[in-house]
Amino acid sequence: MYPVSPRRRLDGTVTLHEYDPSWPQRFENQATAIRAALGDRALSVAHVGSTSVPGLAAKPVIDIALVVSDTTDEPAYVPALVRAGFRLQNREPDWHEHRFLVKRRGDDDGENVNLHVYTDGCVESMRDMMFRDWLRAHDDDRALYERTKRDLAARVWEYMQDYADAKSEVIADIRSRCGEPPRPCRRF
């Protein structure tokens, strides 16, 4: 089993940036590196999260949803991603066997990246894309989400995940309008 890096404390507020039109290209650069590292083991690589929504303020962190054959088969993809500059940050066996890897500017890469890894057949990454697409097309929900993010960002958080968790209610509200994927995730 690969070691999980300790979480870094935030102990502060979250800094949001106005939308940066370079974010899609920065995603493409990272996606190219991921595909080069994994080859055909990368079944899907998608830009998700706030940096994927034009006009939406965001933390300058590129969120990527990666689909592999089986997230529990870490030897099939984690070592290659580590060589590409990522570090394993979290393993969530009780939540779709999700794996979470990160790159940070201080990790010898000029980019901050959150890499969410899902097993083929789990539609959680599809939910992320549906949410992204909804926000791209619905100004009112994009504005609601941004107001919520700005309000929460001004608070002091022990960990960044605490800030992310605090957005859950508004995300669920918006997701109730954008719908569910055509099939549920298989259970692990």
N, C-alpha and C. Protein backbone atom coordinates (compact mmCIF):
# COMPACT_ATOMS: atom_id res chain seq x y z
N MET A 1 0.85 -1.17 0.00
CA MET A 1 0.00 0.00 0.00
C MET A 1 0.90 1.24 0.00
N TYR A 2 0.57 2.19 -0.82
CA TYR A 2 1.38 3.41 -0.95
C TYR A 2 1.08 4.37 0.19
N PRO A 3 2.11 5.04 0.68
CA PRO A 3 1.88 5.96 1.80
C PRO A 3 1.06 7.18 1.37
N VAL A 4 0.27 7.64 2.32
CA VAL A 4 -0.52 8.84 2.12
C VAL A 4 0.21 9.99 2.78
N SER A 5 0.38 11.09 2.06
CA SER A 5 1.06 12.26 2.60
C SER A 5 0.19 12.92 3.66
N PRO A 6 0.79 13.46 4.69
CA PRO A 6 -0.03 14.15 5.70
C PRO A 6 -0.67 15.41 5.11
N ARG A 7 -1.87 15.71 5.58
CA ARG A 7 -2.55 16.92 5.13
C ARG A 7 -1.80 18.14 5.64
N ARG A 8 -1.76 19.16 4.81
CA ARG A 8 -1.17 20.43 5.22
C ARG A 8 -2.27 21.29 5.86
N ARG A 9 -1.94 21.89 6.96
CA ARG A 9 -2.90 22.75 7.64
C ARG A 9 -3.05 24.06 6.88
N LEU A 10 -4.24 24.62 6.94
CA LEU A 10 -4.49 25.93 6.34
C LEU A 10 -4.44 27.00 7.42
N ASP A 11 -5.21 26.80 8.48
CA ASP A 11 -5.29 27.76 9.59
C ASP A 11 -5.40 29.19 9.09
N GLY A 12 -6.33 29.40 8.19
CA GLY A 12 -6.54 30.74 7.64
C GLY A 12 -7.73 30.77 6.70
N THR A 13 -7.81 31.84 5.98
CA THR A 13 -8.87 32.02 5.01
C THR A 13 -8.44 31.42 3.67
N VAL A 14 -9.39 31.33 2.77
CA VAL A 14 -9.14 30.79 1.44
C VAL A 14 -9.07 31.97 0.47
N THR A 15 -8.06 31.97 -0.38
CA THR A 15 -7.91 33.04 -1.36
C THR A 15 -8.52 32.60 -2.69
N LEU A 16 -9.53 33.35 -3.12
CA LEU A 16 -10.13 33.10 -4.42
C LEU A 16 -9.59 34.11 -5.42
N HIS A 17 -9.41 33.68 -6.66
CA HIS A 17 -8.95 34.53 -7.74
C HIS A 17 -10.07 34.68 -8.76
N GLU A 18 -10.10 35.81 -9.41
CA GLU A 18 -11.04 35.97 -10.52
C GLU A 18 -10.68 34.94 -11.58
N TYR A 19 -11.65 34.57 -12.40
CA TYR A 19 -11.42 33.57 -13.44
C TYR A 19 -10.21 33.97 -14.29
N ASP A 20 -9.36 33.00 -14.54
CA ASP A 20 -8.14 33.21 -15.32
C ASP A 20 -8.29 32.41 -16.62
N PRO A 21 -8.30 33.08 -17.78
CA PRO A 21 -8.48 32.36 -19.04
C PRO A 21 -7.34 31.40 -19.37
N SER A 22 -6.26 31.41 -18.58
CA SER A 22 -5.18 30.45 -18.81
C SER A 22 -5.47 29.10 -18.16
N TRP A 23 -6.49 29.02 -17.30
CA TRP A 23 -6.75 27.76 -16.60
C TRP A 23 -7.03 26.59 -17.54
N PRO A 24 -7.79 26.73 -18.61
CA PRO A 24 -7.98 25.57 -19.50
C PRO A 24 -6.67 25.05 -20.10
N GLN A 25 -5.78 25.95 -20.49
CA GLN A 25 -4.50 25.50 -21.04
C GLN A 25 -3.64 24.84 -19.96
N ARG A 26 -3.71 25.37 -18.76
CA ARG A 26 -2.97 24.77 -17.66
C ARG A 26 -3.48 23.36 -17.38
N PHE A 27 -4.81 23.17 -17.49
CA PHE A 27 -5.36 21.82 -17.40
C PHE A 27 -4.80 20.95 -18.51
N GLU A 28 -4.82 21.44 -19.75
CA GLU A 28 -4.33 20.64 -20.88
C GLU A 28 -2.88 20.21 -20.67
N ASN A 29 -2.06 21.10 -20.13
CA ASN A 29 -0.66 20.74 -19.84
C ASN A 29 -0.58 19.59 -18.86
N GLN A 30 -1.39 19.64 -17.81
CA GLN A 30 -1.39 18.57 -16.81
C GLN A 30 -1.99 17.29 -17.38
N ALA A 31 -3.05 17.41 -18.16
CA ALA A 31 -3.67 16.23 -18.77
C ALA A 31 -2.70 15.52 -19.69
N THR A 32 -1.93 16.31 -20.44
CA THR A 32 -0.91 15.72 -21.32
C THR A 32 0.12 14.94 -20.51
N ALA A 33 0.55 15.51 -19.38
CA ALA A 33 1.53 14.83 -18.52
C ALA A 33 0.94 13.55 -17.92
N ILE A 34 -0.33 13.61 -17.51
CA ILE A 34 -0.98 12.42 -16.94
C ILE A 34 -1.10 11.32 -18.00
N ARG A 35 -1.55 11.70 -19.19
CA ARG A 35 -1.66 10.71 -20.27
C ARG A 35 -0.30 10.13 -20.65
N ALA A 36 0.72 10.96 -20.65
CA ALA A 36 2.07 10.47 -20.96
C ALA A 36 2.55 9.49 -19.88
N ALA A 37 2.22 9.78 -18.64
CA ALA A 37 2.64 8.91 -17.54
C ALA A 37 1.89 7.59 -17.52
N LEU A 38 0.60 7.62 -17.86
CA LEU A 38 -0.24 6.43 -17.73
C LEU A 38 -0.56 5.73 -19.04
N GLY A 39 -0.41 6.39 -20.15
CA GLY A 39 -0.78 5.77 -21.43
C GLY A 39 -2.24 5.39 -21.43
N ASP A 40 -2.53 4.18 -21.92
CA ASP A 40 -3.93 3.77 -22.03
C ASP A 40 -4.57 3.40 -20.69
N ARG A 41 -3.80 3.47 -19.61
CA ARG A 41 -4.39 3.26 -18.27
C ARG A 41 -5.23 4.46 -17.86
N ALA A 42 -5.02 5.62 -18.49
CA ALA A 42 -5.86 6.80 -18.26
C ALA A 42 -7.06 6.69 -19.19
N LEU A 43 -8.16 6.19 -18.68
CA LEU A 43 -9.34 5.96 -19.51
C LEU A 43 -10.06 7.27 -19.83
N SER A 44 -9.97 8.22 -18.91
CA SER A 44 -10.59 9.54 -19.11
C SER A 44 -9.85 10.54 -18.23
N VAL A 45 -9.62 11.73 -18.78
CA VAL A 45 -8.99 12.82 -18.04
C VAL A 45 -9.82 14.07 -18.34
N ALA A 46 -10.48 14.62 -17.31
CA ALA A 46 -11.38 15.74 -17.53
C ALA A 46 -11.10 16.89 -16.57
N HIS A 47 -11.26 18.10 -17.08
CA HIS A 47 -11.13 19.32 -16.26
C HIS A 47 -12.45 19.53 -15.54
N VAL A 48 -12.41 19.54 -14.21
CA VAL A 48 -13.59 19.75 -13.39
C VAL A 48 -13.27 20.82 -12.36
N GLY A 49 -14.21 21.10 -11.49
CA GLY A 49 -13.98 22.09 -10.46
C GLY A 49 -14.15 23.50 -10.99
N SER A 50 -13.97 24.46 -10.11
CA SER A 50 -14.26 25.85 -10.44
C SER A 50 -13.38 26.43 -11.54
N THR A 51 -12.14 25.98 -11.66
CA THR A 51 -11.28 26.52 -12.73
C THR A 51 -11.74 26.09 -14.11
N SER A 52 -12.68 25.14 -14.17
CA SER A 52 -13.21 24.68 -15.46
C SER A 52 -14.45 25.45 -15.89
N VAL A 53 -14.87 26.43 -15.10
CA VAL A 53 -16.10 27.18 -15.38
C VAL A 53 -15.75 28.62 -15.70
N PRO A 54 -15.79 29.02 -16.97
CA PRO A 54 -15.47 30.41 -17.32
C PRO A 54 -16.32 31.40 -16.52
N GLY A 55 -15.65 32.42 -16.01
CA GLY A 55 -16.32 33.47 -15.27
C GLY A 55 -16.46 33.22 -13.78
N LEU A 56 -16.09 32.04 -13.30
CA LEU A 56 -16.26 31.69 -11.89
C LEU A 56 -14.95 31.92 -11.13
N ALA A 57 -15.02 32.69 -10.05
CA ALA A 57 -13.85 32.86 -9.18
C ALA A 57 -13.49 31.51 -8.57
N ALA A 58 -12.21 31.30 -8.34
CA ALA A 58 -11.77 29.99 -7.84
C ALA A 58 -10.42 30.10 -7.14
N LYS A 59 -10.13 29.08 -6.35
CA LYS A 59 -8.75 28.91 -5.90
C LYS A 59 -7.97 28.56 -7.16
N PRO A 60 -6.75 29.05 -7.30
CA PRO A 60 -5.98 28.73 -8.51
C PRO A 60 -5.39 27.32 -8.46
N VAL A 61 -6.29 26.35 -8.36
CA VAL A 61 -5.92 24.94 -8.29
C VAL A 61 -6.70 24.22 -9.38
N ILE A 62 -6.01 23.55 -10.26
CA ILE A 62 -6.64 22.83 -11.36
C ILE A 62 -7.16 21.49 -10.83
N ASP A 63 -8.47 21.28 -10.90
CA ASP A 63 -9.07 20.01 -10.49
C ASP A 63 -9.24 19.14 -11.72
N ILE A 64 -8.81 17.88 -11.58
CA ILE A 64 -8.87 16.92 -12.68
C ILE A 64 -9.53 15.64 -12.19
N ALA A 65 -10.45 15.11 -12.99
CA ALA A 65 -11.05 13.81 -12.73
C ALA A 65 -10.39 12.81 -13.67
N LEU A 66 -9.75 11.82 -13.09
CA LEU A 66 -9.08 10.75 -13.84
C LEU A 66 -9.83 9.46 -13.59
N VAL A 67 -10.14 8.73 -14.68
CA VAL A 67 -10.77 7.43 -14.56
C VAL A 67 -9.75 6.37 -14.97
N VAL A 68 -9.59 5.37 -14.09
CA VAL A 68 -8.72 4.23 -14.35
C VAL A 68 -9.54 2.95 -14.21
N SER A 69 -8.97 1.82 -14.58
CA SER A 69 -9.71 0.55 -14.52
C SER A 69 -10.19 0.22 -13.12
N ASP A 70 -9.31 0.42 -12.14
CA ASP A 70 -9.64 0.03 -10.76
C ASP A 70 -8.76 0.84 -9.81
N THR A 71 -9.35 1.75 -9.06
CA THR A 71 -8.55 2.58 -8.16
C THR A 71 -7.86 1.77 -7.07
N THR A 72 -8.40 0.60 -6.74
CA THR A 72 -7.77 -0.20 -5.69
C THR A 72 -6.48 -0.86 -6.17
N ASP A 73 -6.27 -0.92 -7.48
CA ASP A 73 -5.03 -1.45 -8.05
C ASP A 73 -4.02 -0.31 -8.17
N GLU A 74 -3.62 0.21 -7.02
CA GLU A 74 -2.71 1.36 -7.00
C GLU A 74 -1.39 1.13 -7.74
N PRO A 75 -0.80 -0.07 -7.70
CA PRO A 75 0.45 -0.27 -8.45
C PRO A 75 0.32 0.00 -9.95
N ALA A 76 -0.92 -0.06 -10.47
CA ALA A 76 -1.13 0.15 -11.90
C ALA A 76 -1.04 1.62 -12.30
N TYR A 77 -1.16 2.54 -11.35
CA TYR A 77 -1.15 3.96 -11.73
C TYR A 77 -0.44 4.89 -10.76
N VAL A 78 -0.43 4.60 -9.46
CA VAL A 78 0.16 5.53 -8.50
C VAL A 78 1.65 5.76 -8.74
N PRO A 79 2.48 4.72 -8.93
CA PRO A 79 3.91 4.99 -9.13
C PRO A 79 4.19 5.91 -10.34
N ALA A 80 3.45 5.71 -11.41
CA ALA A 80 3.65 6.57 -12.60
C ALA A 80 3.24 8.00 -12.30
N LEU A 81 2.18 8.18 -11.53
CA LEU A 81 1.75 9.53 -11.17
C LEU A 81 2.73 10.18 -10.20
N VAL A 82 3.29 9.39 -9.30
CA VAL A 82 4.32 9.92 -8.39
C VAL A 82 5.53 10.39 -9.19
N ARG A 83 5.94 9.59 -10.17
CA ARG A 83 7.06 10.01 -11.03
C ARG A 83 6.73 11.27 -11.82
N ALA A 84 5.43 11.50 -12.07
CA ALA A 84 5.00 12.70 -12.80
C ALA A 84 4.81 13.90 -11.86
N GLY A 85 5.15 13.72 -10.58
CA GLY A 85 5.13 14.84 -9.65
C GLY A 85 3.96 14.88 -8.69
N PHE A 86 3.09 13.89 -8.72
CA PHE A 86 1.95 13.86 -7.80
C PHE A 86 2.33 13.12 -6.53
N ARG A 87 1.59 13.39 -5.47
CA ARG A 87 1.73 12.61 -4.25
C ARG A 87 0.33 12.19 -3.79
N LEU A 88 0.24 10.98 -3.28
CA LEU A 88 -1.03 10.46 -2.79
C LEU A 88 -1.39 11.18 -1.50
N GLN A 89 -2.55 11.83 -1.50
CA GLN A 89 -2.98 12.63 -0.35
C GLN A 89 -4.06 11.93 0.47
N ASN A 90 -4.93 11.18 -0.23
CA ASN A 90 -6.05 10.58 0.49
C ASN A 90 -6.55 9.34 -0.25
N ARG A 91 -6.97 8.39 0.54
CA ARG A 91 -7.55 7.14 0.04
C ARG A 91 -8.91 7.01 0.72
N GLU A 92 -9.99 6.90 -0.06
CA GLU A 92 -11.33 6.86 0.52
C GLU A 92 -12.05 5.57 0.13
N PRO A 93 -11.77 4.47 0.83
CA PRO A 93 -12.41 3.21 0.47
C PRO A 93 -13.92 3.21 0.65
N ASP A 94 -14.42 4.05 1.54
CA ASP A 94 -15.86 4.08 1.79
C ASP A 94 -16.61 5.06 0.89
N TRP A 95 -15.89 5.79 0.06
CA TRP A 95 -16.53 6.73 -0.87
C TRP A 95 -16.05 6.43 -2.28
N HIS A 96 -16.67 5.43 -2.90
CA HIS A 96 -16.41 5.05 -4.29
C HIS A 96 -14.96 4.61 -4.54
N GLU A 97 -14.24 4.21 -3.49
CA GLU A 97 -12.81 3.85 -3.62
C GLU A 97 -12.02 4.99 -4.29
N HIS A 98 -12.44 6.20 -4.02
CA HIS A 98 -11.80 7.41 -4.56
C HIS A 98 -10.37 7.53 -4.04
N ARG A 99 -9.49 7.96 -4.91
CA ARG A 99 -8.11 8.30 -4.54
C ARG A 99 -7.91 9.76 -4.90
N PHE A 100 -7.12 10.45 -4.08
CA PHE A 100 -6.89 11.87 -4.26
C PHE A 100 -5.39 12.12 -4.21
N LEU A 101 -4.87 12.62 -5.33
CA LEU A 101 -3.46 12.96 -5.41
C LEU A 101 -3.34 14.46 -5.64
N VAL A 102 -2.20 15.02 -5.27
CA VAL A 102 -2.00 16.46 -5.43
C VAL A 102 -0.61 16.75 -5.99
N LYS A 103 -0.53 17.92 -6.61
CA LYS A 103 0.72 18.57 -6.94
C LYS A 103 0.61 19.95 -6.34
N ARG A 104 1.67 20.43 -5.79
CA ARG A 104 1.69 21.79 -5.28
C ARG A 104 2.91 22.49 -5.83
N ARG A 105 2.80 23.78 -6.00
CA ARG A 105 3.91 24.55 -6.58
C ARG A 105 5.23 24.24 -5.90
N GLY A 106 5.21 24.03 -4.62
CA GLY A 106 6.42 23.70 -3.88
C GLY A 106 6.92 22.29 -4.11
N ASP A 107 6.16 21.47 -4.85
CA ASP A 107 6.55 20.08 -5.14
C ASP A 107 7.27 19.97 -6.48
N ASP A 108 8.07 20.97 -6.82
CA ASP A 108 8.85 20.98 -8.06
C ASP A 108 8.00 21.04 -9.32
N ASP A 109 6.81 21.61 -9.22
CA ASP A 109 5.97 21.82 -10.39
C ASP A 109 5.42 23.23 -10.25
N GLY A 110 5.25 23.90 -11.34
CA GLY A 110 4.75 25.27 -11.31
C GLY A 110 3.26 25.36 -11.18
N GLU A 111 2.60 24.27 -10.86
CA GLU A 111 1.14 24.24 -10.87
C GLU A 111 0.61 23.62 -9.59
N ASN A 112 -0.56 24.07 -9.18
CA ASN A 112 -1.31 23.43 -8.10
C ASN A 112 -2.41 22.59 -8.74
N VAL A 113 -2.44 21.30 -8.43
CA VAL A 113 -3.39 20.38 -9.06
C VAL A 113 -3.98 19.45 -8.00
N ASN A 114 -5.29 19.26 -8.07
CA ASN A 114 -5.99 18.22 -7.32
C ASN A 114 -6.42 17.18 -8.34
N LEU A 115 -5.98 15.95 -8.13
CA LEU A 115 -6.30 14.86 -9.05
C LEU A 115 -7.21 13.86 -8.34
N HIS A 116 -8.44 13.78 -8.80
CA HIS A 116 -9.44 12.86 -8.25
C HIS A 116 -9.46 11.63 -9.14
N VAL A 117 -9.21 10.46 -8.56
CA VAL A 117 -9.12 9.24 -9.34
C VAL A 117 -10.31 8.34 -9.01
N TYR A 118 -11.02 7.95 -10.08
CA TYR A 118 -12.21 7.12 -9.95
C TYR A 118 -12.05 5.85 -10.77
N THR A 119 -12.74 4.80 -10.33
CA THR A 119 -12.77 3.53 -11.04
C THR A 119 -13.74 3.62 -12.21
N ASP A 120 -13.36 3.02 -13.32
CA ASP A 120 -14.26 2.93 -14.47
C ASP A 120 -15.56 2.26 -14.02
N GLY A 121 -16.67 2.86 -14.38
CA GLY A 121 -17.96 2.34 -13.96
C GLY A 121 -18.56 3.14 -12.82
N CYS A 122 -17.75 3.95 -12.14
CA CYS A 122 -18.27 4.83 -11.10
C CYS A 122 -18.58 6.17 -11.75
N VAL A 123 -19.78 6.65 -11.57
CA VAL A 123 -20.19 7.86 -12.26
C VAL A 123 -19.96 9.13 -11.45
N GLU A 124 -19.25 9.04 -10.35
CA GLU A 124 -19.00 10.25 -9.56
C GLU A 124 -18.26 11.30 -10.40
N SER A 125 -17.35 10.88 -11.24
CA SER A 125 -16.68 11.86 -12.11
C SER A 125 -17.67 12.46 -13.10
N MET A 126 -18.67 11.67 -13.52
CA MET A 126 -19.70 12.21 -14.40
C MET A 126 -20.52 13.27 -13.67
N ARG A 127 -20.78 13.06 -12.39
CA ARG A 127 -21.48 14.08 -11.59
C ARG A 127 -20.70 15.39 -11.58
N ASP A 128 -19.38 15.27 -11.44
CA ASP A 128 -18.53 16.47 -11.46
C ASP A 128 -18.67 17.21 -12.79
N MET A 129 -18.68 16.46 -13.88
CA MET A 129 -18.79 17.09 -15.20
C MET A 129 -20.18 17.68 -15.43
N MET A 130 -21.21 17.01 -14.94
CA MET A 130 -22.57 17.54 -15.07
C MET A 130 -22.70 18.84 -14.28
N PHE A 131 -22.11 18.89 -13.10
CA PHE A 131 -22.12 20.11 -12.27
C PHE A 131 -21.37 21.22 -13.00
N ARG A 132 -20.20 20.90 -13.53
CA ARG A 132 -19.42 21.88 -14.31
C ARG A 132 -20.24 22.43 -15.48
N ASP A 133 -20.82 21.53 -16.25
CA ASP A 133 -21.58 21.95 -17.43
C ASP A 133 -22.81 22.79 -17.05
N TRP A 134 -23.45 22.43 -15.92
CA TRP A 134 -24.60 23.19 -15.46
C TRP A 134 -24.17 24.62 -15.11
N LEU A 135 -23.07 24.75 -14.37
CA LEU A 135 -22.61 26.08 -13.99
C LEU A 135 -22.19 26.90 -15.21
N ARG A 136 -21.65 26.25 -16.21
CA ARG A 136 -21.27 26.96 -17.44
C ARG A 136 -22.50 27.53 -18.14
N ALA A 137 -23.63 26.86 -18.02
CA ALA A 137 -24.83 27.24 -18.78
C ALA A 137 -25.86 28.03 -17.98
N HIS A 138 -25.71 28.10 -16.66
CA HIS A 138 -26.74 28.72 -15.81
C HIS A 138 -26.11 29.81 -14.94
N ASP A 139 -26.25 31.04 -15.41
CA ASP A 139 -25.65 32.19 -14.73
C ASP A 139 -26.14 32.32 -13.29
N ASP A 140 -27.42 32.06 -13.03
CA ASP A 140 -27.96 32.23 -11.69
C ASP A 140 -27.31 31.26 -10.70
N ASP A 141 -27.16 30.00 -11.07
CA ASP A 141 -26.53 29.03 -10.18
C ASP A 141 -25.01 29.29 -10.06
N ARG A 142 -24.40 29.73 -11.15
CA ARG A 142 -22.97 30.08 -11.07
C ARG A 142 -22.79 31.23 -10.07
N ALA A 143 -23.66 32.23 -10.12
CA ALA A 143 -23.59 33.36 -9.19
C ALA A 143 -23.86 32.91 -7.75
N LEU A 144 -24.84 32.03 -7.56
CA LEU A 144 -25.12 31.48 -6.23
C LEU A 144 -23.90 30.76 -5.67
N TYR A 145 -23.30 29.92 -6.50
CA TYR A 145 -22.13 29.16 -6.07
C TYR A 145 -20.97 30.11 -5.74
N GLU A 146 -20.75 31.12 -6.57
CA GLU A 146 -19.66 32.05 -6.30
C GLU A 146 -19.90 32.84 -5.02
N ARG A 147 -21.13 33.31 -4.79
CA ARG A 147 -21.43 34.03 -3.54
C ARG A 147 -21.13 33.15 -2.33
N THR A 148 -21.56 31.90 -2.41
CA THR A 148 -21.33 30.95 -1.32
C THR A 148 -19.84 30.77 -1.09
N LYS A 149 -19.10 30.57 -2.18
CA LYS A 149 -17.65 30.38 -2.07
C LYS A 149 -16.99 31.60 -1.43
N ARG A 150 -17.38 32.78 -1.86
CA ARG A 150 -16.77 34.01 -1.32
C ARG A 150 -17.09 34.18 0.16
N ASP A 151 -18.34 33.90 0.54
CA ASP A 151 -18.72 33.99 1.96
C ASP A 151 -17.90 33.02 2.80
N LEU A 152 -17.80 31.79 2.34
CA LEU A 152 -17.06 30.77 3.08
C LEU A 152 -15.56 31.02 3.07
N ALA A 153 -15.04 31.53 1.97
CA ALA A 153 -13.59 31.78 1.86
C ALA A 153 -13.12 32.81 2.88
N ALA A 154 -13.99 33.69 3.29
CA ALA A 154 -13.60 34.74 4.25
C ALA A 154 -13.45 34.20 5.67
N ARG A 155 -13.93 33.00 5.93
CA ARG A 155 -13.82 32.39 7.26
C ARG A 155 -12.44 31.74 7.43
N VAL A 156 -12.07 31.52 8.67
CA VAL A 156 -10.82 30.84 8.97
C VAL A 156 -11.10 29.34 9.05
N TRP A 157 -10.28 28.56 8.32
CA TRP A 157 -10.44 27.11 8.26
C TRP A 157 -9.16 26.43 8.72
N GLU A 158 -9.33 25.34 9.46
CA GLU A 158 -8.17 24.57 9.91
C GLU A 158 -7.52 23.84 8.73
N TYR A 159 -8.36 23.23 7.90
CA TYR A 159 -7.90 22.52 6.71
C TYR A 159 -8.71 22.97 5.51
N MET A 160 -8.13 22.90 4.34
CA MET A 160 -8.84 23.25 3.11
C MET A 160 -10.08 22.37 2.94
N GLN A 161 -10.00 21.11 3.35
CA GLN A 161 -11.14 20.21 3.21
C GLN A 161 -12.34 20.70 4.00
N ASP A 162 -12.10 21.40 5.11
CA ASP A 162 -13.21 21.95 5.88
C ASP A 162 -13.99 22.97 5.05
N TYR A 163 -13.26 23.81 4.32
CA TYR A 163 -13.90 24.78 3.41
C TYR A 163 -14.68 24.03 2.32
N ALA A 164 -14.07 23.01 1.74
CA ALA A 164 -14.73 22.23 0.69
C ALA A 164 -16.01 21.58 1.23
N ASP A 165 -15.93 21.02 2.42
CA ASP A 165 -17.11 20.37 3.01
C ASP A 165 -18.23 21.38 3.27
N ALA A 166 -17.87 22.60 3.63
CA ALA A 166 -18.87 23.63 3.93
C ALA A 166 -19.68 24.02 2.70
N LYS A 167 -19.16 23.75 1.50
CA LYS A 167 -19.90 24.06 0.27
C LYS A 167 -20.89 22.97 -0.10
N SER A 168 -20.92 21.88 0.63
CA SER A 168 -21.72 20.71 0.26
C SER A 168 -23.20 21.01 0.09
N GLU A 169 -23.75 21.83 0.98
CA GLU A 169 -25.19 22.10 0.91
C GLU A 169 -25.57 22.82 -0.38
N VAL A 170 -24.82 23.84 -0.76
CA VAL A 170 -25.16 24.56 -1.99
C VAL A 170 -24.87 23.69 -3.22
N ILE A 171 -23.84 22.87 -3.15
CA ILE A 171 -23.56 21.96 -4.26
C ILE A 171 -24.72 20.98 -4.44
N ALA A 172 -25.21 20.43 -3.32
CA ALA A 172 -26.35 19.50 -3.40
C ALA A 172 -27.57 20.20 -3.96
N ASP A 173 -27.79 21.44 -3.56
CA ASP A 173 -28.92 22.21 -4.08
C ASP A 173 -28.81 22.37 -5.60
N ILE A 174 -27.65 22.77 -6.07
CA ILE A 174 -27.47 22.96 -7.51
C ILE A 174 -27.55 21.62 -8.24
N ARG A 175 -26.95 20.60 -7.67
CA ARG A 175 -27.01 19.28 -8.30
C ARG A 175 -28.43 18.76 -8.41
N SER A 176 -29.30 19.18 -7.52
CA SER A 176 -30.70 18.74 -7.62
C SER A 176 -31.35 19.28 -8.88
N ARG A 177 -30.81 20.35 -9.42
CA ARG A 177 -31.34 20.92 -10.67
C ARG A 177 -30.63 20.36 -11.89
N CYS A 178 -29.38 19.99 -11.76
CA CYS A 178 -28.67 19.52 -12.95
C CYS A 178 -28.87 18.03 -13.20
N GLY A 179 -29.48 17.33 -12.24
CA GLY A 179 -29.83 15.94 -12.46
C GLY A 179 -28.73 14.96 -12.08
N GLU A 180 -29.06 13.72 -12.25
CA GLU A 180 -28.15 12.63 -11.92
C GLU A 180 -27.70 11.93 -13.20
N PRO A 181 -26.54 11.31 -13.15
CA PRO A 181 -26.08 10.54 -14.32
C PRO A 181 -27.08 9.43 -14.65
N PRO A 182 -27.00 8.91 -15.86
CA PRO A 182 -27.99 7.91 -16.31
C PRO A 182 -27.91 6.58 -15.58
N ARG A 183 -26.83 6.33 -14.85
CA ARG A 183 -26.74 5.07 -14.12
C ARG A 183 -26.00 5.35 -12.81
N PRO A 184 -26.33 4.61 -11.76
CA PRO A 184 -25.66 4.84 -10.47
C PRO A 184 -24.27 4.23 -10.47
N CYS A 185 -23.45 4.69 -9.53
CA CYS A 185 -22.13 4.07 -9.34
C CYS A 185 -22.35 2.65 -8.86
N ARG A 186 -21.50 1.76 -9.32
CA ARG A 186 -21.58 0.41 -8.76
C ARG A 186 -21.01 0.47 -7.35
N ARG A 187 -21.45 -0.39 -6.50
CA ARG A 187 -21.00 -0.39 -5.10
C ARG A 187 -19.72 -1.20 -4.98
N PHE A 188 -18.86 -0.76 -4.11
CA PHE A 188 -17.58 -1.44 -3.90
C PHE A 188 -17.58 -2.12 -2.55
